[in-house]
């Protein structure tokens, strides 16, 4: 069984959303998913003061990102998540 690197773009619901707190919650959620490794999180400017969080995960190629996406969406202040690149490593 191989592994894949997957990128998720997490969008806060407003420019005043607490990005630091959201990132801490994402770390906690990733730690609960034993088969998923959180590799990095990077803030990227979007528009009108809103910053997205680009999350890089490594997970087994037999799974998907649906479970962790659903958990991240439960964080207060998150409006959406978009799955981006998925690459076999």
PDB file of N, CA and C in Angstrom:
ATOM      1  N   UNK A   1       0.853  -1.173   0.000  1.00  0.00           N
ATOM      2  CA  UNK A   1       0.000   0.000   0.000  1.00  0.00           C
ATOM      3  C   UNK A   1       0.900   1.238   0.000  1.00  0.00           C
ATOM      4  N   UNK A   2       0.610   2.172  -0.903  1.00  0.00           N
ATOM      5  CA  UNK A   2       1.380   3.402  -1.009  1.00  0.00           C
ATOM      6  C   UNK A   2       0.751   4.530  -0.230  1.00  0.00           C
ATOM      7  N   UNK A   3       1.347   5.688  -0.401  1.00  0.00           N
ATOM      8  CA  UNK A   3       0.832   6.880   0.259  1.00  0.00           C
ATOM      9  C   UNK A   3       0.648   7.978  -0.768  1.00  0.00           C
ATOM     10  N   UNK A   4      -0.231   8.914  -0.442  1.00  0.00           N
ATOM     11  CA  UNK A   4      -0.456  10.074  -1.289  1.00  0.00           C
ATOM     12  C   UNK A   4      -0.281  11.343  -0.459  1.00  0.00           C
ATOM     13  N   UNK A   5       0.109  12.402  -1.149  1.00  0.00           N
ATOM     14  CA  UNK A   5       0.134  13.738  -0.558  1.00  0.00           C
ATOM     15  C   UNK A   5      -1.088  14.464  -1.102  1.00  0.00           C
ATOM     16  N   UNK A   6      -1.867  15.034  -0.224  1.00  0.00           N
ATOM     17  CA  UNK A   6      -3.092  15.729  -0.624  1.00  0.00           C
ATOM     18  C   UNK A   6      -3.086  17.140  -0.043  1.00  0.00           C
ATOM     19  N   UNK A   7      -3.543  18.085  -0.846  1.00  0.00           N
ATOM     20  CA  UNK A   7      -3.634  19.474  -0.415  1.00  0.00           C
ATOM     21  C   UNK A   7      -5.096  19.860  -0.243  1.00  0.00           C
ATOM     22  N   UNK A   8      -5.414  20.456   0.896  1.00  0.00           N
ATOM     23  CA  UNK A   8      -6.750  20.983   1.158  1.00  0.00           C
ATOM     24  C   UNK A   8      -6.640  22.491   1.341  1.00  0.00           C
ATOM     25  N   UNK A   9      -7.553  23.230   0.740  1.00  0.00           N
ATOM     26  CA  UNK A   9      -7.625  24.669   0.953  1.00  0.00           C
ATOM     27  C   UNK A   9      -8.816  24.946   1.857  1.00  0.00           C
ATOM     28  N   UNK A  10      -8.522  25.449   3.043  1.00  0.00           N
ATOM     29  CA  UNK A  10      -9.542  25.723   4.050  1.00  0.00           C
ATOM     30  C   UNK A  10      -9.835  27.218   4.029  1.00  0.00           C
ATOM     31  N   UNK A  11     -11.110  27.560   3.812  1.00  0.00           N
ATOM     32  CA  UNK A  11     -11.533  28.958   3.730  1.00  0.00           C
ATOM     33  C   UNK A  11     -12.286  29.368   5.000  1.00  0.00           C
ATOM     34  N   UNK A  12     -11.798  30.409   5.683  1.00  0.00           N
ATOM     35  CA  UNK A  12     -12.552  30.930   6.821  1.00  0.00           C
ATOM     36  C   UNK A  12     -13.786  31.693   6.340  1.00  0.00           C
ATOM     37  N   UNK A  13     -14.724  31.910   7.241  1.00  0.00           N
ATOM     38  CA  UNK A  13     -15.975  32.562   6.848  1.00  0.00           C
ATOM     39  C   UNK A  13     -15.914  34.092   6.874  1.00  0.00           C
ATOM     40  N   UNK A  14     -14.816  34.656   7.400  1.00  0.00           N
ATOM     41  CA  UNK A  14     -14.715  36.124   7.417  1.00  0.00           C
ATOM     42  C   UNK A  14     -13.252  36.543   7.575  1.00  0.00           C
ATOM     43  N   UNK A  15     -12.963  37.810   7.274  1.00  0.00           N
ATOM     44  CA  UNK A  15     -11.591  38.297   7.437  1.00  0.00           C
ATOM     45  C   UNK A  15     -11.149  38.384   8.902  1.00  0.00           C
ATOM     46  N   UNK A  16     -12.094  38.382   9.821  1.00  0.00           N
ATOM     47  CA  UNK A  16     -11.748  38.478  11.240  1.00  0.00           C
ATOM     48  C   UNK A  16     -11.700  37.110  11.928  1.00  0.00           C
ATOM     49  N   UNK A  17     -11.818  36.045  11.153  1.00  0.00           N
ATOM     50  CA  UNK A  17     -11.739  34.697  11.725  1.00  0.00           C
ATOM     51  C   UNK A  17     -10.358  34.516  12.367  1.00  0.00           C
ATOM     52  N   UNK A  18     -10.312  33.813  13.478  1.00  0.00           N
ATOM     53  CA  UNK A  18      -9.069  33.586  14.211  1.00  0.00           C
ATOM     54  C   UNK A  18      -8.281  32.457  13.537  1.00  0.00           C
ATOM     55  N   UNK A  19      -7.406  32.836  12.598  1.00  0.00           N
ATOM     56  CA  UNK A  19      -6.638  31.862  11.814  1.00  0.00           C
ATOM     57  C   UNK A  19      -5.757  31.002  12.719  1.00  0.00           C
ATOM     58  N   UNK A  20      -5.161  31.615  13.722  1.00  0.00           N
ATOM     59  CA  UNK A  20      -4.289  30.870  14.635  1.00  0.00           C
ATOM     60  C   UNK A  20      -5.066  29.761  15.345  1.00  0.00           C
ATOM     61  N   UNK A  21      -6.256  30.085  15.815  1.00  0.00           N
ATOM     62  CA  UNK A  21      -7.079  29.091  16.514  1.00  0.00           C
ATOM     63  C   UNK A  21      -7.540  27.990  15.545  1.00  0.00           C
ATOM     64  N   UNK A  22      -7.906  28.380  14.330  1.00  0.00           N
ATOM     65  CA  UNK A  22      -8.315  27.394  13.330  1.00  0.00           C
ATOM     66  C   UNK A  22      -7.176  26.423  13.039  1.00  0.00           C
ATOM     67  N   UNK A  23      -5.959  26.951  12.896  1.00  0.00           N
ATOM     68  CA  UNK A  23      -4.806  26.090  12.632  1.00  0.00           C
ATOM     69  C   UNK A  23      -4.549  25.124  13.792  1.00  0.00           C
ATOM     70  N   UNK A  24      -4.721  25.599  15.023  1.00  0.00           N
ATOM     71  CA  UNK A  24      -4.554  24.719  16.189  1.00  0.00           C
ATOM     72  C   UNK A  24      -5.595  23.601  16.178  1.00  0.00           C
ATOM     73  N   UNK A  25      -6.835  23.931  15.826  1.00  0.00           N
ATOM     74  CA  UNK A  25      -7.892  22.919  15.762  1.00  0.00           C
ATOM     75  C   UNK A  25      -7.604  21.892  14.654  1.00  0.00           C
ATOM     76  N   UNK A  26      -7.087  22.362  13.520  1.00  0.00           N
ATOM     77  CA  UNK A  26      -6.734  21.440  12.435  1.00  0.00           C
ATOM     78  C   UNK A  26      -5.646  20.481  12.907  1.00  0.00           C
ATOM     79  N   UNK A  27      -4.655  20.966  13.663  1.00  0.00           N
ATOM     80  CA  UNK A  27      -3.603  20.100  14.207  1.00  0.00           C
ATOM     81  C   UNK A  27      -4.203  19.018  15.107  1.00  0.00           C
ATOM     82  N   UNK A  28      -5.145  19.415  15.971  1.00  0.00           N
ATOM     83  CA  UNK A  28      -5.779  18.452  16.874  1.00  0.00           C
ATOM     84  C   UNK A  28      -6.552  17.395  16.092  1.00  0.00           C
ATOM     85  N   UNK A  29      -7.278  17.830  15.071  1.00  0.00           N
ATOM     86  CA  UNK A  29      -8.062  16.893  14.259  1.00  0.00           C
ATOM     87  C   UNK A  29      -7.144  15.925  13.530  1.00  0.00           C
ATOM     88  N   UNK A  30      -6.070  16.428  12.948  1.00  0.00           N
ATOM     89  CA  UNK A  30      -5.127  15.556  12.230  1.00  0.00           C
ATOM     90  C   UNK A  30      -4.511  14.526  13.173  1.00  0.00           C
ATOM     91  N   UNK A  31      -4.238  14.915  14.403  1.00  0.00           N
ATOM     92  CA  UNK A  31      -3.662  13.984  15.385  1.00  0.00           C
ATOM     93  C   UNK A  31      -4.629  12.856  15.725  1.00  0.00           C
ATOM     94  N   UNK A  32      -5.933  13.134  15.676  1.00  0.00           N
ATOM     95  CA  UNK A  32      -6.938  12.096  15.968  1.00  0.00           C
ATOM     96  C   UNK A  32      -7.063  11.082  14.833  1.00  0.00           C
ATOM     97  N   UNK A  33      -6.700  11.467  13.631  1.00  0.00           N
ATOM     98  CA  UNK A  33      -6.740  10.563  12.476  1.00  0.00           C
ATOM     99  C   UNK A  33      -5.377   9.882  12.383  1.00  0.00           C
ATOM    100  N   UNK A  34      -5.272   8.685  12.935  1.00  0.00           N
ATOM    101  CA  UNK A  34      -3.984   8.000  13.077  1.00  0.00           C
ATOM    102  C   UNK A  34      -3.298   7.702  11.751  1.00  0.00           C
ATOM    103  N   UNK A  35      -4.060   7.530  10.670  1.00  0.00           N
ATOM    104  CA  UNK A  35      -3.460   7.181   9.381  1.00  0.00           C
ATOM    105  C   UNK A  35      -3.120   8.402   8.533  1.00  0.00           C
ATOM    106  N   UNK A  36      -3.309   9.607   9.088  1.00  0.00           N
ATOM    107  CA  UNK A  36      -3.053  10.840   8.342  1.00  0.00           C
ATOM    108  C   UNK A  36      -1.966  11.642   9.053  1.00  0.00           C
ATOM    109  N   UNK A  37      -0.980  12.082   8.268  1.00  0.00           N
ATOM    110  CA  UNK A  37       0.088  12.920   8.808  1.00  0.00           C
ATOM    111  C   UNK A  37      -0.081  14.345   8.293  1.00  0.00           C
ATOM    112  N   UNK A  38      -0.066  15.299   9.194  1.00  0.00           N
ATOM    113  CA  UNK A  38      -0.114  16.708   8.823  1.00  0.00           C
ATOM    114  C   UNK A  38       1.318  17.151   8.554  1.00  0.00           C
ATOM    115  N   UNK A  39       1.604  17.548   7.328  1.00  0.00           N
ATOM    116  CA  UNK A  39       2.961  17.949   6.956  1.00  0.00           C
ATOM    117  C   UNK A  39       3.174  19.449   7.054  1.00  0.00           C
ATOM    118  N   UNK A  40       2.196  20.238   6.626  1.00  0.00           N
ATOM    119  CA  UNK A  40       2.370  21.691   6.709  1.00  0.00           C
ATOM    120  C   UNK A  40       1.028  22.401   6.604  1.00  0.00           C
ATOM    121  N   UNK A  41       1.036  23.656   7.067  1.00  0.00           N
ATOM    122  CA  UNK A  41      -0.100  24.561   6.910  1.00  0.00           C
ATOM    123  C   UNK A  41       0.472  25.926   6.564  1.00  0.00           C
ATOM    124  N   UNK A  42      -0.083  26.534   5.529  1.00  0.00           N
ATOM    125  CA  UNK A  42       0.416  27.823   5.077  1.00  0.00           C
ATOM    126  C   UNK A  42      -0.754  28.762   4.819  1.00  0.00           C
ATOM    127  N   UNK A  43      -0.645  29.974   5.329  1.00  0.00           N
ATOM    128  CA  UNK A  43      -1.672  30.985   5.091  1.00  0.00           C
ATOM    129  C   UNK A  43      -1.416  31.628   3.728  1.00  0.00           C
ATOM    130  N   UNK A  44      -2.496  31.799   2.961  1.00  0.00           N
ATOM    131  CA  UNK A  44      -2.395  32.424   1.643  1.00  0.00           C
ATOM    132  C   UNK A  44      -3.462  33.511   1.532  1.00  0.00           C
ATOM    133  N   UNK A  45      -3.069  34.718   1.115  1.00  0.00           N
ATOM    134  CA  UNK A  45      -4.065  35.775   0.948  1.00  0.00           C
ATOM    135  C   UNK A  45      -5.015  35.455  -0.202  1.00  0.00           C
ATOM    136  N   UNK A  46      -6.310  35.738   0.015  1.00  0.00           N
ATOM    137  CA  UNK A  46      -7.327  35.469  -1.008  1.00  0.00           C
ATOM    138  C   UNK A  46      -7.831  36.796  -1.559  1.00  0.00           C
ATOM    139  N   UNK A  47      -8.607  37.522  -0.779  1.00  0.00           N
ATOM    140  CA  UNK A  47      -9.143  38.833  -1.183  1.00  0.00           C
ATOM    141  C   UNK A  47      -9.810  39.484   0.012  1.00  0.00           C
ATOM    142  N   UNK A  48      -9.865  40.798   0.002  1.00  0.00           N
ATOM    143  CA  UNK A  48     -10.575  41.569   1.026  1.00  0.00           C
ATOM    144  C   UNK A  48     -10.140  41.212   2.444  1.00  0.00           C
ATOM    145  N   UNK A  49      -8.865  40.914   2.622  1.00  0.00           N
ATOM    146  CA  UNK A  49      -8.341  40.591   3.947  1.00  0.00           C
ATOM    147  C   UNK A  49      -8.529  39.156   4.385  1.00  0.00           C
ATOM    148  N   UNK A  50      -9.177  38.344   3.575  1.00  0.00           N
ATOM    149  CA  UNK A  50      -9.380  36.941   3.925  1.00  0.00           C
ATOM    150  C   UNK A  50      -8.141  36.144   3.528  1.00  0.00           C
ATOM    151  N   UNK A  51      -7.716  35.262   4.425  1.00  0.00           N
ATOM    152  CA  UNK A  51      -6.596  34.366   4.156  1.00  0.00           C
ATOM    153  C   UNK A  51      -7.100  32.933   4.205  1.00  0.00           C
ATOM    154  N   UNK A  52      -6.719  32.132   3.223  1.00  0.00           N
ATOM    155  CA  UNK A  52      -7.032  30.711   3.265  1.00  0.00           C
ATOM    156  C   UNK A  52      -5.886  29.993   3.966  1.00  0.00           C
ATOM    157  N   UNK A  53      -6.123  28.760   4.353  1.00  0.00           N
ATOM    158  CA  UNK A  53      -5.084  27.927   4.947  1.00  0.00           C
ATOM    159  C   UNK A  53      -4.905  26.728   4.019  1.00  0.00           C
ATOM    160  N   UNK A  54      -3.704  26.590   3.472  1.00  0.00           N
ATOM    161  CA  UNK A  54      -3.404  25.448   2.617  1.00  0.00           C
ATOM    162  C   UNK A  54      -2.774  24.372   3.488  1.00  0.00           C
ATOM    163  N   UNK A  55      -3.436  23.221   3.549  1.00  0.00           N
ATOM    164  CA  UNK A  55      -3.033  22.132   4.426  1.00  0.00           C
ATOM    165  C   UNK A  55      -2.491  20.991   3.567  1.00  0.00           C
ATOM    166  N   UNK A  56      -1.271  20.535   3.885  1.00  0.00           N
ATOM    167  CA  UNK A  56      -0.666  19.406   3.179  1.00  0.00           C
ATOM    168  C   UNK A  56      -0.712  18.188   4.090  1.00  0.00           C
ATOM    169  N   UNK A  57      -1.338  17.119   3.597  1.00  0.00           N
ATOM    170  CA  UNK A  57      -1.501  15.878   4.348  1.00  0.00           C
ATOM    171  C   UNK A  57      -0.860  14.724   3.601  1.00  0.00           C
ATOM    172  N   UNK A  58      -0.384  13.729   4.344  1.00  0.00           N
ATOM    173  CA  UNK A  58       0.066  12.465   3.760  1.00  0.00           C
ATOM    174  C   UNK A  58      -0.812  11.375   4.354  1.00  0.00           C
ATOM    175  N   UNK A  59      -1.396  10.548   3.473  1.00  0.00           N
ATOM    176  CA  UNK A  59      -2.307   9.502   3.916  1.00  0.00           C
ATOM    177  C   UNK A  59      -2.199   8.289   3.003  1.00  0.00           C
ATOM    178  N   UNK A  60      -2.722   7.141   3.444  1.00  0.00           N
ATOM    179  CA  UNK A  60      -2.676   5.943   2.609  1.00  0.00           C
ATOM    180  C   UNK A  60      -3.463   6.148   1.317  1.00  0.00           C
ATOM    181  N   UNK A  61      -2.981   5.545   0.231  1.00  0.00           N
ATOM    182  CA  UNK A  61      -3.673   5.713  -1.054  1.00  0.00           C
ATOM    183  C   UNK A  61      -4.994   4.962  -1.113  1.00  0.00           C
ATOM    184  N   UNK A  62      -5.253   4.117  -0.137  1.00  0.00           N
ATOM    185  CA  UNK A  62      -6.515   3.378  -0.123  1.00  0.00           C
ATOM    186  C   UNK A  62      -7.650   4.183   0.513  1.00  0.00           C
ATOM    187  N   UNK A  63      -7.305   5.270   1.169  1.00  0.00           N
ATOM    188  CA  UNK A  63      -8.326   6.084   1.833  1.00  0.00           C
ATOM    189  C   UNK A  63      -8.612   7.342   1.041  1.00  0.00           C
ATOM    190  N   UNK A  64      -9.231   8.263   1.686  1.00  0.00           N
ATOM    191  CA  UNK A  64      -9.539   9.546   1.070  1.00  0.00           C
ATOM    192  C   UNK A  64      -9.480  10.629   2.122  1.00  0.00           C
ATOM    193  N   UNK A  65      -9.794  11.827   1.725  1.00  0.00           N
ATOM    194  CA  UNK A  65      -9.758  12.961   2.651  1.00  0.00           C
ATOM    195  C   UNK A  65     -11.131  13.310   3.211  1.00  0.00           C
ATOM    196  N   UNK A  66     -12.152  12.562   2.821  1.00  0.00           N
ATOM    197  CA  UNK A  66     -13.520  12.896   3.237  1.00  0.00           C
ATOM    198  C   UNK A  66     -13.691  12.986   4.750  1.00  0.00           C
ATOM    199  N   UNK A  67     -13.148  12.023   5.490  1.00  0.00           N
ATOM    200  CA  UNK A  67     -13.348  12.000   6.943  1.00  0.00           C
ATOM    201  C   UNK A  67     -12.724  13.224   7.613  1.00  0.00           C
ATOM    202  N   UNK A  68     -11.498  13.550   7.247  1.00  0.00           N
ATOM    203  CA  UNK A  68     -10.846  14.706   7.871  1.00  0.00           C
ATOM    204  C   UNK A  68     -11.478  16.010   7.394  1.00  0.00           C
ATOM    205  N   UNK A  69     -11.930  16.055   6.141  1.00  0.00           N
ATOM    206  CA  UNK A  69     -12.617  17.251   5.653  1.00  0.00           C
ATOM    207  C   UNK A  69     -13.881  17.513   6.472  1.00  0.00           C
ATOM    208  N   UNK A  70     -14.657  16.476   6.737  1.00  0.00           N
ATOM    209  CA  UNK A  70     -15.895  16.643   7.512  1.00  0.00           C
ATOM    210  C   UNK A  70     -15.599  17.125   8.925  1.00  0.00           C
ATOM    211  N   UNK A  71     -14.506  16.625   9.520  1.00  0.00           N
ATOM    212  CA  UNK A  71     -14.138  17.072  10.865  1.00  0.00           C
ATOM    213  C   UNK A  71     -13.677  18.531  10.861  1.00  0.00           C
ATOM    214  N   UNK A  72     -12.907  18.930   9.850  1.00  0.00           N
ATOM    215  CA  UNK A  72     -12.432  20.313   9.766  1.00  0.00           C
ATOM    216  C   UNK A  72     -13.605  21.271   9.557  1.00  0.00           C
ATOM    217  N   UNK A  73     -14.593  20.855   8.774  1.00  0.00           N
ATOM    218  CA  UNK A  73     -15.759  21.715   8.531  1.00  0.00           C
ATOM    219  C   UNK A  73     -16.549  22.018   9.807  1.00  0.00           C
ATOM    220  N   UNK A  74     -16.368  21.212  10.843  1.00  0.00           N
ATOM    221  CA  UNK A  74     -17.065  21.429  12.113  1.00  0.00           C
ATOM    222  C   UNK A  74     -16.417  22.526  12.962  1.00  0.00           C
ATOM    223  N   UNK A  75     -15.224  22.966  12.570  1.00  0.00           N
ATOM    224  CA  UNK A  75     -14.537  24.020  13.316  1.00  0.00           C
ATOM    225  C   UNK A  75     -15.296  25.338  13.114  1.00  0.00           C
ATOM    226  N   UNK A  76     -15.619  26.041  14.185  1.00  0.00           N
ATOM    227  CA  UNK A  76     -16.279  27.350  14.030  1.00  0.00           C
ATOM    228  C   UNK A  76     -15.381  28.306  13.232  1.00  0.00           C
ATOM    229  N   UNK A  77     -15.988  29.027  12.306  1.00  0.00           N
ATOM    230  CA  UNK A  77     -15.244  29.989  11.510  1.00  0.00           C
ATOM    231  C   UNK A  77     -14.795  29.477  10.151  1.00  0.00           C
ATOM    232  N   UNK A  78     -15.136  28.227   9.824  1.00  0.00           N
ATOM    233  CA  UNK A  78     -14.780  27.652   8.521  1.00  0.00           C
ATOM    234  C   UNK A  78     -15.996  27.704   7.610  1.00  0.00           C
ATOM    235  N   UNK A  79     -15.805  28.207   6.387  1.00  0.00           N
ATOM    236  CA  UNK A  79     -16.930  28.244   5.449  1.00  0.00           C
ATOM    237  C   UNK A  79     -16.869  27.112   4.437  1.00  0.00           C
ATOM    238  N   UNK A  80     -15.660  26.713   4.014  1.00  0.00           N
ATOM    239  CA  UNK A  80     -15.566  25.635   3.024  1.00  0.00           C
ATOM    240  C   UNK A  80     -14.173  25.042   2.993  1.00  0.00           C
ATOM    241  N   UNK A  81     -14.091  23.862   2.368  1.00  0.00           N
ATOM    242  CA  UNK A  81     -12.820  23.177   2.135  1.00  0.00           C
ATOM    243  C   UNK A  81     -12.824  22.708   0.692  1.00  0.00           C
ATOM    244  N   UNK A  82     -11.709  22.911   0.024  1.00  0.00           N
ATOM    245  CA  UNK A  82     -11.573  22.446  -1.351  1.00  0.00           C
ATOM    246  C   UNK A  82     -10.354  21.528  -1.431  1.00  0.00           C
ATOM    247  N   UNK A  83     -10.577  20.307  -1.923  1.00  0.00           N
ATOM    248  CA  UNK A  83      -9.458  19.387  -2.127  1.00  0.00           C
ATOM    249  C   UNK A  83      -8.730  19.815  -3.394  1.00  0.00           C
ATOM    250  N   UNK A  84      -7.406  19.848  -3.297  1.00  0.00           N
ATOM    251  CA  UNK A  84      -6.588  20.269  -4.433  1.00  0.00           C
ATOM    252  C   UNK A  84      -5.811  19.105  -4.996  1.00  0.00           C
ATOM    253  N   UNK A  85      -4.513  19.295  -5.109  1.00  0.00           N
ATOM    254  CA  UNK A  85      -3.629  18.277  -5.675  1.00  0.00           C
ATOM    255  C   UNK A  85      -3.591  17.028  -4.812  1.00  0.00           C
ATOM    256  N   UNK A  86      -3.596  15.878  -5.475  1.00  0.00           N
ATOM    257  CA  UNK A  86      -3.383  14.596  -4.820  1.00  0.00           C
ATOM    258  C   UNK A  86      -2.329  13.871  -5.643  1.00  0.00           C
ATOM    259  N   UNK A  87      -1.195  13.536  -5.002  1.00  0.00           N
ATOM    260  CA  UNK A  87      -0.064  12.962  -5.707  1.00  0.00           C
ATOM    261  C   UNK A  87       0.422  11.720  -4.996  1.00  0.00           C
ATOM    262  N   UNK A  88       0.657  10.667  -5.751  1.00  0.00           N
ATOM    263  CA  UNK A  88       1.233   9.442  -5.199  1.00  0.00           C
ATOM    264  C   UNK A  88       2.681   9.699  -4.821  1.00  0.00           C
ATOM    265  N   UNK A  89       3.069   9.283  -3.610  1.00  0.00           N
ATOM    266  CA  UNK A  89       4.474   9.470  -3.188  1.00  0.00           C
ATOM    267  C   UNK A  89       5.116   8.148  -2.862  1.00  0.00           C
TER     268      UNK A  89
END
